[in-house]
C-alpha atoms as a PDB file:
ATOM      1  CA  MET A   1     128.465  40.612  63.768  1.00  0.00           C
ATOM      2  CA  ILE A   2     129.595  43.984  65.031  1.00  0.00           C
ATOM      3  CA  GLY A   3     128.753  44.225  68.721  1.00  0.00           C
ATOM      4  CA  ILE A   4     128.119  47.711  70.090  1.00  0.00           C
ATOM      5  CA  LYS A   5     128.613  48.025  73.826  1.00  0.00           C
ATOM      6  CA  PHE A   6     128.095  51.416  75.475  1.00  0.00           C
ATOM      7  CA  SER A   7     127.161  53.158  78.714  1.00  0.00           C
ATOM      8  CA  PRO A   8     123.466  54.133  78.967  1.00  0.00           C
ATOM      9  CA  ASP A   9     123.024  57.266  76.868  1.00  0.00           C
ATOM     10  CA  LYS A  10     119.894  58.451  74.993  1.00  0.00           C
ATOM     11  CA  LEU A  11     121.882  60.116  72.186  1.00  0.00           C
ATOM     12  CA  ILE A  12     123.849  56.913  71.482  1.00  0.00           C
ATOM     13  CA  GLN A  13     120.658  54.830  71.652  1.00  0.00           C
ATOM     14  CA  ASN A  14     118.966  57.068  69.057  1.00  0.00           C
ATOM     15  CA  LEU A  15     122.009  56.935  66.773  1.00  0.00           C
ATOM     16  CA  ILE A  16     122.065  53.118  66.992  1.00  0.00           C
ATOM     17  CA  LYS A  17     118.412  53.025  65.854  1.00  0.00           C
ATOM     18  CA  GLY A  18     119.541  54.782  62.670  1.00  0.00           C
ATOM     19  CA  LEU A  19     122.078  52.027  61.839  1.00  0.00           C
ATOM     20  CA  PRO A  20     121.214  49.333  59.245  1.00  0.00           C
ATOM     21  CA  ASP A  21     118.908  46.729  60.843  1.00  0.00           C
ATOM     22  CA  PRO A  22     120.173  46.960  64.474  1.00  0.00           C
ATOM     23  CA  LYS A  23     119.227  44.131  66.858  1.00  0.00           C
ATOM     24  CA  TRP A  24     119.684  43.533  70.586  1.00  0.00           C
ATOM     25  CA  SER A  25     121.435  40.492  72.043  1.00  0.00           C
ATOM     26  CA  LYS A  26     120.223  39.444  75.497  1.00  0.00           C
ATOM     27  CA  GLN A  27     123.043  36.907  75.734  1.00  0.00           C
ATOM     28  CA  TYR A  28     125.802  39.502  75.266  1.00  0.00           C
ATOM     29  CA  ASN A  29     123.803  42.489  76.507  1.00  0.00           C
ATOM     30  CA  MET A  30     124.653  44.667  73.514  1.00  0.00           C
ATOM     31  CA  ALA A  31     123.314  45.959  70.209  1.00  0.00           C
ATOM     32  CA  TYR A  32     124.676  44.446  66.997  1.00  0.00           C
ATOM     33  CA  ILE A  33     124.572  44.758  63.210  1.00  0.00           C
ATOM     34  CA  PRO A  34     126.057  42.577  60.413  1.00  0.00           C
ATOM     35  CA  ASN A  35     129.848  42.765  60.154  1.00  0.00           C
ATOM     36  CA  ASN A  36     130.947  44.176  56.789  1.00  0.00           C
ATOM     37  CA  LYS A  37     133.076  47.067  55.531  1.00  0.00           C
ATOM     38  CA  THR A  38     130.046  49.204  54.675  1.00  0.00           C
ATOM     39  CA  ASN A  39     128.625  48.935  58.185  1.00  0.00           C
ATOM     40  CA  LEU A  40     132.009  49.656  59.776  1.00  0.00           C
ATOM     41  CA  GLY A  41     132.168  52.825  57.703  1.00  0.00           C
ATOM     42  CA  ILE A  42     128.608  53.778  58.697  1.00  0.00           C
ATOM     43  CA  ILE A  43     129.444  53.325  62.394  1.00  0.00           C
ATOM     44  CA  PHE A  44     132.502  55.539  62.013  1.00  0.00           C
ATOM     45  CA  THR A  45     130.616  58.363  60.268  1.00  0.00           C
ATOM     46  CA  THR A  46     127.615  58.068  62.618  1.00  0.00           C
ATOM     47  CA  PHE A  47     129.587  58.355  65.854  1.00  0.00           C
ATOM     48  CA  LYS A  48     132.515  60.487  64.655  1.00  0.00           C
ATOM     49  CA  GLY A  49     133.066  63.376  67.080  1.00  0.00           C
ATOM     50  CA  ILE A  50     130.541  61.967  69.552  1.00  0.00           C
ATOM     51  CA  VAL A  51     132.191  58.896  71.115  1.00  0.00           C
ATOM     52  CA  TRP A  52     135.525  57.065  71.013  1.00  0.00           C
ATOM     53  CA  ILE A  53     135.171  53.867  68.971  1.00  0.00           C
ATOM     54  CA  ASN A  54     137.311  50.854  69.855  1.00  0.00           C
ATOM     55  CA  TYR A  55     138.077  49.177  66.511  1.00  0.00           C
ATOM     56  CA  ASN A  56     140.726  46.809  67.909  1.00  0.00           C
ATOM     57  CA  ARG A  57     138.704  43.642  67.261  1.00  0.00           C
ATOM     58  CA  PHE A  58     138.287  44.559  63.587  1.00  0.00           C
ATOM     59  CA  LEU A  59     141.839  45.608  62.805  1.00  0.00           C
ATOM     60  CA  THR A  60     144.778  43.278  62.168  1.00  0.00           C
ATOM     61  CA  ASN A  61     146.693  43.037  65.438  1.00  0.00           C
ATOM     62  CA  LYS A  62     150.370  43.847  65.236  1.00  0.00           C
ATOM     63  CA  PRO A  63     152.447  40.675  65.707  1.00  0.00           C
ATOM     64  CA  ILE A  64     153.903  40.231  69.162  1.00  0.00           C
ATOM     65  CA  ASN A  65     157.681  40.004  69.192  1.00  0.00           C
ATOM     66  CA  THR A  66     158.877  36.489  69.931  1.00  0.00           C
ATOM     67  CA  ASN A  67     162.664  36.803  69.873  1.00  0.00           C
ATOM     68  CA  ASN A  68     163.218  39.770  72.159  1.00  0.00           C
ATOM     69  CA  GLU A  69     165.178  39.447  75.364  1.00  0.00           C
ATOM     70  CA  THR A  70     163.110  38.399  78.395  1.00  0.00           C
ATOM     71  CA  VAL A  71     160.982  41.333  79.475  1.00  0.00           C
ATOM     72  CA  ASP A  72     161.424  42.102  83.143  1.00  0.00           C
ATOM     73  CA  VAL A  73     158.733  44.397  84.551  1.00  0.00           C
ATOM     74  CA  GLN A  74     158.664  42.706  87.949  1.00  0.00           C
ATOM     75  CA  TRP A  75     161.219  45.209  89.189  1.00  0.00           C
ATOM     76  CA  PHE A  76     158.682  47.996  88.649  1.00  0.00           C
ATOM     77  CA  ARG A  77     156.038  46.051  90.569  1.00  0.00           C
ATOM     78  CA  ASN A  78     158.342  45.373  93.532  1.00  0.00           C
ATOM     79  CA  ARG A  79     159.462  48.972  94.064  1.00  0.00           C
ATOM     80  CA  THR A  80     159.000  50.544  97.468  1.00  0.00           C
ATOM     81  CA  ASN A  81     155.997  52.838  97.356  1.00  0.00           C
ATOM     82  CA  VAL A  82     157.185  56.376  98.059  1.00  0.00           C
ATOM     83  CA  PRO A  83     154.540  58.430  99.924  1.00  0.00           C
ATOM     84  CA  GLU A  84     152.547  60.711  97.623  1.00  0.00           C
ATOM     85  CA  TYR A  85     154.196  59.218  94.522  1.00  0.00           C
ATOM     86  CA  ARG A  86     151.799  57.777  91.959  1.00  0.00           C
ATOM     87  CA  LEU A  87     153.011  54.486  90.513  1.00  0.00           C
ATOM     88  CA  CYS A  88     152.326  53.264  87.000  1.00  0.00           C
ATOM     89  CA  PRO A  89     148.991  51.325  86.813  1.00  0.00           C
ATOM     90  CA  GLU A  90     149.295  47.541  86.822  1.00  0.00           C
ATOM     91  CA  GLU A  91     147.411  47.260  83.499  1.00  0.00           C
ATOM     92  CA  TYR A  92     150.091  49.454  81.890  1.00  0.00           C
ATOM     93  CA  LEU A  93     152.871  47.093  83.065  1.00  0.00           C
ATOM     94  CA  LEU A  94     150.877  44.040  82.031  1.00  0.00           C
ATOM     95  CA  LYS A  95     150.345  45.332  78.489  1.00  0.00           C
ATOM     96  CA  LEU A  96     154.070  46.110  78.104  1.00  0.00           C
ATOM     97  CA  GLU A  97     154.832  42.589  79.333  1.00  0.00           C
ATOM     98  CA  LEU A  98     152.336  40.890  77.008  1.00  0.00           C
ATOM     99  CA  LYS A  99     153.559  42.820  73.976  1.00  0.00           C
ATOM    100  CA  LYS A 100     157.146  41.846  74.854  1.00  0.00           C
ATOM    101  CA  TYR A 101     158.548  45.328  74.446  1.00  0.00           C
ATOM    102  CA  ALA A 102     162.318  45.640  74.795  1.00  0.00           C
ATOM    103  CA  ASN A 103     163.474  46.304  78.362  1.00  0.00           C
ATOM    104  CA  SER A 104     164.876  49.690  77.347  1.00  0.00           C
ATOM    105  CA  THR A 105     161.440  50.679  75.952  1.00  0.00           C
ATOM    106  CA  VAL A 106     159.690  49.427  79.098  1.00  0.00           C
ATOM    107  CA  LYS A 107     161.948  51.539  81.298  1.00  0.00           C
ATOM    108  CA  THR A 108     161.477  54.628  79.113  1.00  0.00           C
ATOM    109  CA  TYR A 109     157.684  54.294  78.919  1.00  0.00           C
ATOM    110  CA  VAL A 110     157.206  53.669  82.641  1.00  0.00           C
ATOM    111  CA  THR A 111     159.564  56.482  83.655  1.00  0.00           C
ATOM    112  CA  TYR A 112     157.989  59.098  81.378  1.00  0.00           C
ATOM    113  CA  PHE A 113     154.397  58.037  82.061  1.00  0.00           C
ATOM    114  CA  GLU A 114     154.952  58.208  85.828  1.00  0.00           C
ATOM    115  CA  MET A 115     156.393  61.707  85.435  1.00  0.00           C
ATOM    116  CA  PHE A 116     153.216  62.671  83.571  1.00  0.00           C
ATOM    117  CA  ILE A 117     150.710  61.161  86.026  1.00  0.00           C
ATOM    118  CA  ASN A 118     152.571  62.634  89.000  1.00  0.00           C
ATOM    119  CA  HIS A 119     152.298  66.069  87.420  1.00  0.00           C
ATOM    120  CA  TYR A 120     148.532  65.555  87.650  1.00  0.00           C
ATOM    121  CA  LYS A 121     148.556  63.422  90.804  1.00  0.00           C
ATOM    122  CA  GLU A 122     145.261  64.884  92.104  1.00  0.00           C
ATOM    123  CA  ARG A 123     143.409  64.020  88.869  1.00  0.00           C
ATOM    124  CA  LYS A 124     141.899  60.728  87.735  1.00  0.00           C
ATOM    125  CA  LEU A 125     143.615  59.478  84.583  1.00  0.00           C
ATOM    126  CA  GLU A 126     140.378  59.143  82.620  1.00  0.00           C
ATOM    127  CA  THR A 127     139.619  62.849  83.152  1.00  0.00           C
ATOM    128  CA  LEU A 128     142.841  64.025  81.447  1.00  0.00           C
ATOM    129  CA  ASP A 129     142.455  65.251  77.880  1.00  0.00           C
ATOM    130  CA  GLU A 130     144.464  66.765  75.008  1.00  0.00           C
ATOM    131  CA  SER A 131     144.673  70.200  76.648  1.00  0.00           C
ATOM    132  CA  ASP A 132     146.219  68.685  79.795  1.00  0.00           C
ATOM    133  CA  ILE A 133     148.820  66.861  77.719  1.00  0.00           C
ATOM    134  CA  ARG A 134     149.639  70.021  75.765  1.00  0.00           C
ATOM    135  CA  ALA A 135     150.091  71.954  79.015  1.00  0.00           C
ATOM    136  CA  TYR A 136     152.482  69.299  80.301  1.00  0.00           C
ATOM    137  CA  LEU A 137     154.449  69.235  77.033  1.00  0.00           C
ATOM    138  CA  GLN A 138     154.696  73.012  77.137  1.00  0.00           C
ATOM    139  CA  ILE A 139     156.407  72.775  80.532  1.00  0.00           C
ATOM    140  CA  LEU A 140     158.935  70.306  79.086  1.00  0.00           C
ATOM    141  CA  ILE A 141     159.571  72.522  76.047  1.00  0.00           C
ATOM    142  CA  ARG A 142     160.327  75.454  78.369  1.00  0.00           C
ATOM    143  CA  LYS A 143     162.900  73.205  80.071  1.00  0.00           C
ATOM    144  CA  ASN A 144     164.541  72.911  76.633  1.00  0.00           C
ATOM    145  CA  VAL A 145     164.337  69.108  76.401  1.00  0.00           C
ATOM    146  CA  SER A 146     165.217  67.492  73.068  1.00  0.00           C
ATOM    147  CA  ASN A 147     162.732  66.591  70.321  1.00  0.00           C
ATOM    148  CA  SER A 148     163.500  62.914  70.906  1.00  0.00           C
ATOM    149  CA  TYR A 149     162.645  63.285  74.606  1.00  0.00           C
ATOM    150  CA  LEU A 150     159.311  64.950  73.766  1.00  0.00           C
ATOM    151  CA  ASN A 151     158.394  62.225  71.287  1.00  0.00           C
ATOM    152  CA  GLN A 152     159.097  59.506  73.848  1.00  0.00           C
ATOM    153  CA  VAL A 153     156.912  61.290  76.407  1.00  0.00           C
ATOM    154  CA  ILE A 154     154.054  61.479  73.883  1.00  0.00           C
ATOM    155  CA  ASN A 155     154.508  57.779  73.007  1.00  0.00           C
ATOM    156  CA  SER A 156     154.350  56.750  76.682  1.00  0.00           C
ATOM    157  CA  ILE A 157     151.106  58.702  77.196  1.00  0.00           C
ATOM    158  CA  LYS A 158     149.505  57.473  73.946  1.00  0.00           C
ATOM    159  CA  PHE A 159     150.392  53.898  74.925  1.00  0.00           C
ATOM    160  CA  TYR A 160     148.173  54.141  78.013  1.00  0.00           C
ATOM    161  CA  TYR A 161     145.093  55.656  76.392  1.00  0.00           C
ATOM    162  CA  GLU A 162     145.279  53.935  73.014  1.00  0.00           C
ATOM    163  CA  THR A 163     146.852  50.540  73.742  1.00  0.00           C
ATOM    164  CA  VAL A 164     146.014  49.873  77.397  1.00  0.00           C
ATOM    165  CA  LEU A 165     142.513  51.401  77.431  1.00  0.00           C
ATOM    166  CA  GLY A 166     141.854  50.609  73.764  1.00  0.00           C
ATOM    167  CA  MET A 167     141.019  54.133  72.577  1.00  0.00           C
ATOM    168  CA  PRO A 168     142.371  54.202  68.993  1.00  0.00           C
ATOM    169  CA  ASN A 169     143.970  57.519  68.006  1.00  0.00           C
ATOM    170  CA  ARG A 170     142.787  59.132  71.224  1.00  0.00           C
ATOM    171  CA  PHE A 171     145.370  61.886  70.977  1.00  0.00           C
ATOM    172  CA  TYR A 172     145.967  62.055  67.229  1.00  0.00           C
ATOM    173  CA  GLU A 173     145.708  65.866  67.335  1.00  0.00           C
ATOM    174  CA  ILE A 174     148.645  66.252  69.734  1.00  0.00           C
ATOM    175  CA  GLU A 175     151.381  68.106  67.874  1.00  0.00           C
ATOM    176  CA  ARG A 176     154.763  66.415  67.629  1.00  0.00           C
ATOM    177  CA  PRO A 177     158.029  68.364  67.344  1.00  0.00           C
ATOM    178  CA  ARG A 178     159.501  68.675  63.875  1.00  0.00           C
ATOM    179  CA  LYS A 179     161.894  65.850  63.100  1.00  0.00           C
ATOM    180  CA  GLU A 180     165.542  66.778  63.383  1.00  0.00           C
ATOM    181  CA  HIS A 181     167.850  65.883  60.506  1.00  0.00           C
ATOM    182  CA  LYS A 182     171.356  65.611  61.893  1.00  0.00           C
ATOM    183  CA  LEU A 183     174.332  64.313  59.971  1.00  0.00           C
ATOM    184  CA  PRO A 184     176.071  61.229  61.416  1.00  0.00           C
ATOM    185  CA  LYS A 185     179.426  61.777  63.120  1.00  0.00           C
ATOM    186  CA  VAL A 186     182.232  60.022  61.263  1.00  0.00           C
ATOM    187  CA  ILE A 187     185.960  59.564  61.916  1.00  0.00           C
ATOM    188  CA  SER A 188     188.697  58.631  59.420  1.00  0.00           C
ATOM    189  CA  LYS A 189     190.134  55.133  58.861  1.00  0.00           C
ATOM    190  CA  GLU A 190     193.402  56.310  60.378  1.00  0.00           C
ATOM    191  CA  GLU A 191     191.591  57.426  63.537  1.00  0.00           C
ATOM    192  CA  VAL A 192     189.805  54.049  63.779  1.00  0.00           C
ATOM    193  CA  ILE A 193     193.158  52.242  63.601  1.00  0.00           C
ATOM    194  CA  ALA A 194     194.562  54.587  66.257  1.00  0.00           C
ATOM    195  CA  ILE A 195     191.632  53.759  68.584  1.00  0.00           C
ATOM    196  CA  ILE A 196     192.191  50.014  68.099  1.00  0.00           C
ATOM    197  CA  GLU A 197     195.908  50.403  68.855  1.00  0.00           C
ATOM    198  CA  HIS A 198     195.169  52.312  72.071  1.00  0.00           C
ATOM    199  CA  THR A 199     192.884  49.704  73.644  1.00  0.00           C
ATOM    200  CA  ASN A 200     194.015  48.115  76.927  1.00  0.00           C
ATOM    201  CA  ASN A 201     193.875  44.414  76.051  1.00  0.00           C
ATOM    202  CA  ILE A 202     192.874  41.820  73.444  1.00  0.00           C
ATOM    203  CA  LYS A 203     189.251  41.764  74.649  1.00  0.00           C
ATOM    204  CA  HIS A 204     188.859  45.532  74.272  1.00  0.00           C
ATOM    205  CA  ARG A 205     190.617  45.368  70.924  1.00  0.00           C
ATOM    206  CA  CYS A 206     188.140  42.775  69.601  1.00  0.00           C
ATOM    207  CA  ILE A 207     185.183  44.820  70.823  1.00  0.00           C
ATOM    208  CA  VAL A 208     186.310  47.907  68.887  1.00  0.00           C
ATOM    209  CA  GLN A 209     187.155  45.842  65.799  1.00  0.00           C
ATOM    210  CA  LEU A 210     183.678  44.296  65.658  1.00  0.00           C
ATOM    211  CA  LEU A 211     181.861  47.581  66.304  1.00  0.00           C
ATOM    212  CA  TYR A 212     183.667  49.111  63.331  1.00  0.00           C
ATOM    213  CA  GLY A 213     184.506  46.139  61.084  1.00  0.00           C
ATOM    214  CA  SER A 214     180.972  44.678  61.246  1.00  0.00           C
ATOM    215  CA  GLY A 215     178.951  47.869  61.731  1.00  0.00           C
ATOM    216  CA  LEU A 216     177.328  46.558  64.911  1.00  0.00           C
ATOM    217  CA  ARG A 217     175.131  48.490  67.293  1.00  0.00           C
ATOM    218  CA  ARG A 218     176.294  48.284  70.911  1.00  0.00           C
ATOM    219  CA  SER A 219     173.271  46.136  71.906  1.00  0.00           C
ATOM    220  CA  GLU A 220     173.949  43.765  68.990  1.00  0.00           C
ATOM    221  CA  LEU A 221     177.556  43.309  70.090  1.00  0.00           C
ATOM    222  CA  LEU A 222     176.476  42.531  73.658  1.00  0.00           C
ATOM    223  CA  ASN A 223     173.940  39.932  72.468  1.00  0.00           C
ATOM    224  CA  LEU A 224     176.427  38.071  70.261  1.00  0.00           C
ATOM    225  CA  LYS A 225     176.956  34.444  71.213  1.00  0.00           C
ATOM    226  CA  ILE A 226     179.975  32.323  70.357  1.00  0.00           C
ATOM    227  CA  ASN A 227     178.136  30.364  67.649  1.00  0.00           C
ATOM    228  CA  ASP A 228     177.061  33.599  65.922  1.00  0.00           C
ATOM    229  CA  ILE A 229     180.575  33.884  64.468  1.00  0.00           C
ATOM    230  CA  ASP A 230     180.629  32.003  61.140  1.00  0.00           C
ATOM    231  CA  SER A 231     184.369  31.807  60.346  1.00  0.00           C
ATOM    232  CA  LYS A 232     183.858  29.540  57.312  1.00  0.00           C
ATOM    233  CA  ARG A 233     181.669  32.069  55.513  1.00  0.00           C
ATOM    234  CA  MET A 234     183.367  35.075  57.177  1.00  0.00           C
ATOM    235  CA  LEU A 235     180.035  36.378  58.444  1.00  0.00           C
ATOM    236  CA  ILE A 236     178.462  37.375  61.761  1.00  0.00           C
ATOM    237  CA  ARG A 237     174.869  36.390  62.481  1.00  0.00           C
ATOM    238  CA  VAL A 238     173.011  39.212  64.267  1.00  0.00           C
ATOM    239  CA  LYS A 239     169.837  37.910  65.927  1.00  0.00           C
ATOM    240  CA  GLY A 240     166.797  39.891  67.086  1.00  0.00           C
ATOM    241  CA  ALA A 241     168.316  43.274  66.273  1.00  0.00           C
ATOM    242  CA  LYS A 242     166.417  46.573  66.168  1.00  0.00           C
ATOM    243  CA  GLY A 243     162.889  45.948  64.895  1.00  0.00           C
ATOM    244  CA  ASN A 244     163.245  42.272  65.915  1.00  0.00           C
ATOM    245  CA  LYS A 245     165.096  41.479  62.675  1.00  0.00           C
ATOM    246  CA  ASP A 246     167.897  38.985  62.054  1.00  0.00           C
ATOM    247  CA  ARG A 247     170.666  39.737  59.559  1.00  0.00           C
ATOM    248  CA  LEU A 248     174.164  38.772  58.450  1.00  0.00           C
ATOM    249  CA  THR A 249     177.073  41.188  58.385  1.00  0.00           C
ATOM    250  CA  LEU A 250     180.767  41.092  57.521  1.00  0.00           C
ATOM    251  CA  LEU A 251     183.515  39.468  59.595  1.00  0.00           C
ATOM    252  CA  SER A 252     186.973  40.956  59.115  1.00  0.00           C
ATOM    253  CA  LYS A 253     189.910  38.565  58.617  1.00  0.00           C
ATOM    254  CA  ASN A 254     191.989  40.689  60.987  1.00  0.00           C
ATOM    255  CA  ALA A 255     189.201  40.629  63.575  1.00  0.00           C
ATOM    256  CA  LEU A 256     188.917  36.826  63.270  1.00  0.00           C
ATOM    257  CA  LYS A 257     192.641  36.386  64.064  1.00  0.00           C
ATOM    258  CA  GLU A 258     192.248  38.569  67.156  1.00  0.00           C
ATOM    259  CA  LEU A 259     189.029  36.783  68.183  1.00  0.00           C
ATOM    260  CA  ARG A 260     190.793  33.402  68.144  1.00  0.00           C
ATOM    261  CA  MET A 261     193.533  34.766  70.412  1.00  0.00           C
ATOM    262  CA  TYR A 262     190.900  36.357  72.674  1.00  0.00           C
ATOM    263  CA  PHE A 263     188.908  33.107  72.874  1.00  0.00           C
ATOM    264  CA  LYS A 264     191.954  31.090  74.005  1.00  0.00           C
ATOM    265  CA  GLU A 265     192.860  33.667  76.630  1.00  0.00           C
ATOM    266  CA  TRP A 266     189.448  34.650  78.060  1.00  0.00           C
ATOM    267  CA  LYS A 267     187.435  31.432  77.392  1.00  0.00           C
ATOM    268  CA  PRO A 268     183.898  32.901  77.144  1.00  0.00           C
ATOM    269  CA  GLN A 269     181.151  30.359  77.884  1.00  0.00           C
ATOM    270  CA  GLU A 270     177.945  31.600  76.201  1.00  0.00           C
ATOM    271  CA  TYR A 271     178.143  35.224  75.110  1.00  0.00           C
ATOM    272  CA  LEU A 272     181.091  36.280  72.987  1.00  0.00           C
ATOM    273  CA  PHE A 273     181.889  39.052  75.467  1.00  0.00           C
ATOM    274  CA  GLU A 274     181.071  38.333  79.090  1.00  0.00           C
ATOM    275  CA  GLY A 275     181.312  40.097  82.410  1.00  0.00           C
ATOM    276  CA  ARG A 276     181.709  38.496  85.804  1.00  0.00           C
ATOM    277  CA  LYS A 277     180.285  35.000  86.349  1.00  0.00           C
ATOM    278  CA  ALA A 278     179.676  34.563  82.602  1.00  0.00           C
ATOM    279  CA  SER A 279     177.014  37.279  82.583  1.00  0.00           C
ATOM    280  CA  LYS A 280     176.364  39.517  79.585  1.00  0.00           C
ATOM    281  CA  TYR A 281     178.931  42.300  79.255  1.00  0.00           C
ATOM    282  CA  SER A 282     177.935  45.781  80.408  1.00  0.00           C
ATOM    283  CA  ALA A 283     176.838  48.424  77.882  1.00  0.00           C
ATOM    284  CA  VAL A 284     178.568  51.108  79.966  1.00  0.00           C
ATOM    285  CA  SER A 285     181.818  49.145  79.826  1.00  0.00           C
ATOM    286  CA  VAL A 286     181.702  49.044  76.005  1.00  0.00           C
ATOM    287  CA  LEU A 287     181.101  52.796  75.889  1.00  0.00           C
ATOM    288  CA  ASN A 288     184.019  53.443  78.235  1.00  0.00           C
ATOM    289  CA  ILE A 289     186.339  51.184  76.203  1.00  0.00           C
ATOM    290  CA  VAL A 290     185.681  53.212  73.043  1.00  0.00           C
ATOM    291  CA  LYS A 291     185.814  56.621  74.755  1.00  0.00           C
ATOM    292  CA  ASN A 292     189.026  55.924  76.700  1.00  0.00           C
ATOM    293  CA  ALA A 293     190.810  54.498  73.651  1.00  0.00           C
ATOM    294  CA  ALA A 294     189.795  57.554  71.613  1.00  0.00           C
ATOM    295  CA  ILE A 295     191.111  59.901  74.302  1.00  0.00           C
ATOM    296  CA  LYS A 296     194.436  58.002  74.414  1.00  0.00           C
ATOM    297  CA  ALA A 297     194.594  58.239  70.605  1.00  0.00           C
ATOM    298  CA  LYS A 298     194.188  62.039  71.004  1.00  0.00           C
ATOM    299  CA  ILE A 299     191.035  62.194  68.874  1.00  0.00           C
ATOM    300  CA  THR A 300     189.329  65.496  69.608  1.00  0.00           C
ATOM    301  CA  GLN A 301     185.718  64.632  68.797  1.00  0.00           C
ATOM    302  CA  ASN A 302     183.499  62.541  71.066  1.00  0.00           C
ATOM    303  CA  VAL A 303     183.707  58.927  69.831  1.00  0.00           C
ATOM    304  CA  THR A 304     180.991  56.412  70.773  1.00  0.00           C
ATOM    305  CA  PRO A 305     180.210  52.862  69.554  1.00  0.00           C
ATOM    306  CA  HIS A 306     177.640  54.353  67.166  1.00  0.00           C
ATOM    307  CA  VAL A 307     180.255  56.686  65.655  1.00  0.00           C
ATOM    308  CA  LEU A 308     182.196  53.540  64.716  1.00  0.00           C
ATOM    309  CA  ARG A 309     179.069  52.106  63.063  1.00  0.00           C
ATOM    310  CA  HIS A 310     178.539  55.364  61.135  1.00  0.00           C
ATOM    311  CA  SER A 311     182.196  55.288  60.076  1.00  0.00           C
ATOM    312  CA  PHE A 312     181.863  51.677  58.863  1.00  0.00           C
ATOM    313  CA  ALA A 313     178.956  52.633  56.566  1.00  0.00           C
ATOM    314  CA  THR A 314     180.584  55.830  55.312  1.00  0.00           C
ATOM    315  CA  HIS A 315     183.926  54.176  54.533  1.00  0.00           C
ATOM    316  CA  LEU A 316     182.141  51.393  52.600  1.00  0.00           C
ATOM    317  CA  LEU A 317     180.281  54.002  50.557  1.00  0.00           C
ATOM    318  CA  GLU A 318     183.498  55.889  49.881  1.00  0.00           C
ATOM    319  CA  SER A 319     185.136  52.681  48.624  1.00  0.00           C
ATOM    320  CA  GLY A 320     182.352  52.159  46.063  1.00  0.00           C
ATOM    321  CA  VAL A 321     180.073  49.647  47.818  1.00  0.00           C
ATOM    322  CA  ASP A 322     176.457  49.889  46.632  1.00  0.00           C
ATOM    323  CA  LEU A 323     174.048  51.708  48.966  1.00  0.00           C
ATOM    324  CA  ARG A 324     171.610  48.769  48.921  1.00  0.00           C
ATOM    325  CA  GLN A 325     174.361  46.399  50.127  1.00  0.00           C
ATOM    326  CA  ILE A 326     175.243  48.787  52.952  1.00  0.00           C
ATOM    327  CA  GLN A 327     171.548  48.921  53.906  1.00  0.00           C
ATOM    328  CA  VAL A 328     171.508  45.119  54.253  1.00  0.00           C
ATOM    329  CA  LEU A 329     174.721  45.067  56.330  1.00  0.00           C
ATOM    330  CA  LEU A 330     173.394  47.735  58.717  1.00  0.00           C
ATOM    331  CA  GLY A 331     169.922  46.167  58.988  1.00  0.00           C
ATOM    332  CA  HIS A 332     168.061  49.337  57.939  1.00  0.00           C
ATOM    333  CA  GLY A 333     164.403  48.790  57.070  1.00  0.00           C
ATOM    334  CA  SER A 334     164.372  51.716  54.643  1.00  0.00           C
ATOM    335  CA  SER A 335     166.949  52.865  52.082  1.00  0.00           C
ATOM    336  CA  LYS A 336     166.185  56.450  53.146  1.00  0.00           C
ATOM    337  CA  THR A 337     167.887  55.753  56.479  1.00  0.00           C
ATOM    338  CA  THR A 338     171.045  54.570  54.700  1.00  0.00           C
ATOM    339  CA  GLU A 339     171.041  57.507  52.250  1.00  0.00           C
ATOM    340  CA  ILE A 340     172.109  59.835  55.088  1.00  0.00           C
ATOM    341  CA  TYR A 341     175.680  58.574  54.581  1.00  0.00           C
ATOM    342  CA  THR A 342     175.800  60.106  51.092  1.00  0.00           C
ATOM    343  CA  HIS A 343     175.807  63.488  52.879  1.00  0.00           C
ATOM    344  CA  VAL A 344     179.093  62.752  54.679  1.00  0.00           C
ATOM    345  CA  ALA A 345     180.958  60.471  52.243  1.00  0.00           C
ATOM    346  CA  THR A 346     183.968  62.326  50.761  1.00  0.00           C
ATOM    347  CA  ASN A 347     183.396  60.972  47.228  1.00  0.00           C
ATOM    348  CA  THR A 348     180.169  62.998  47.175  1.00  0.00           C
ATOM    349  CA  PHE A 349     182.288  66.151  47.197  1.00  0.00           C
ATOM    350  CA  LYS A 350     185.474  65.089  45.360  1.00  0.00           C
ATOM    351  CA  GLU A 351     183.843  65.421  41.917  1.00  0.00           C
ATOM    352  CA  ILE A 352     182.678  68.970  42.656  1.00  0.00           C
ATOM    353  CA  LYS A 353     185.156  71.651  41.698  1.00  0.00           C
ATOM    354  CA  ASN A 354     185.416  74.338  44.334  1.00  0.00           C
ATOM    355  CA  PRO A 355     184.613  77.770  42.776  1.00  0.00           C
ATOM    356  CA  LEU A 356     187.562  79.329  44.649  1.00  0.00           C
ATOM    357  CA  ASP A 357     189.912  76.885  42.866  1.00  0.00           C
END
């Protein structure tokens, strides 16, 4: 059956009487009609524009991630309450925890949602509507924040009303900024070699070699464990990457030689690259390793771990590797994401004769 629970309202009561064969359940204290696609459609058309309909029980629930890192929202609960600062509601934290969102997503959502609710700290959350959100977004736009920033703010707000309170598509009319299409930053093979040669030690050298030679994201590198290196098949097993997907990627012969030397010298215990007391290595440290080596190599553009990943994909494409194979190595869900590298690969332009020449 489709149960229909609502606050006392004469308009809703009259509309329910017009549904196919409605009945009242004393046990569940709600109206109900037979559960089928036709009736679901009738309910939608009957109440459209009048009430918000929670369809969650009738839609396929998105699978909860099972392989993500341990979600830690307790830190947000244990914060010292600053006077006149509105903290994120407990139900918001609980839903993030139950859905096992990545810790980076949890931090982003909580931060941006608290900024929003503190902008309207005198208002009850349930009284805020689309016009209030638009007014808040307008303030951010005037501060010249990026499109990515705006989208994350919208996502954090939608999460509360649609996922926590169960109001499907509550703010579907909120305009999103136009998607930016930026070309990936790429450096040459010679510049990659120069960066590797200007690292401080064998550990830093291995980090740069894997970022480039295996096309790893920084988070994927940090999560690598010793047994993820398959030297017999010359592959690296990347577990629980972006989108909670596992994949295999290439292991360079040169990188393997360096890794064996690194392993004997540094003796990591669990993670391939570890910080103090065998803890996971710091993301900031990886960034600094790449940046400092690039500066020493006198490379003018800003080089980050992701630039090395972009360079890996572009250099493969330039050497004739099929785009589909590159997609698999990078772990892209869509080939459209990988196609961006065709815009920066030099072989795209070599066959074109310059009109000046």
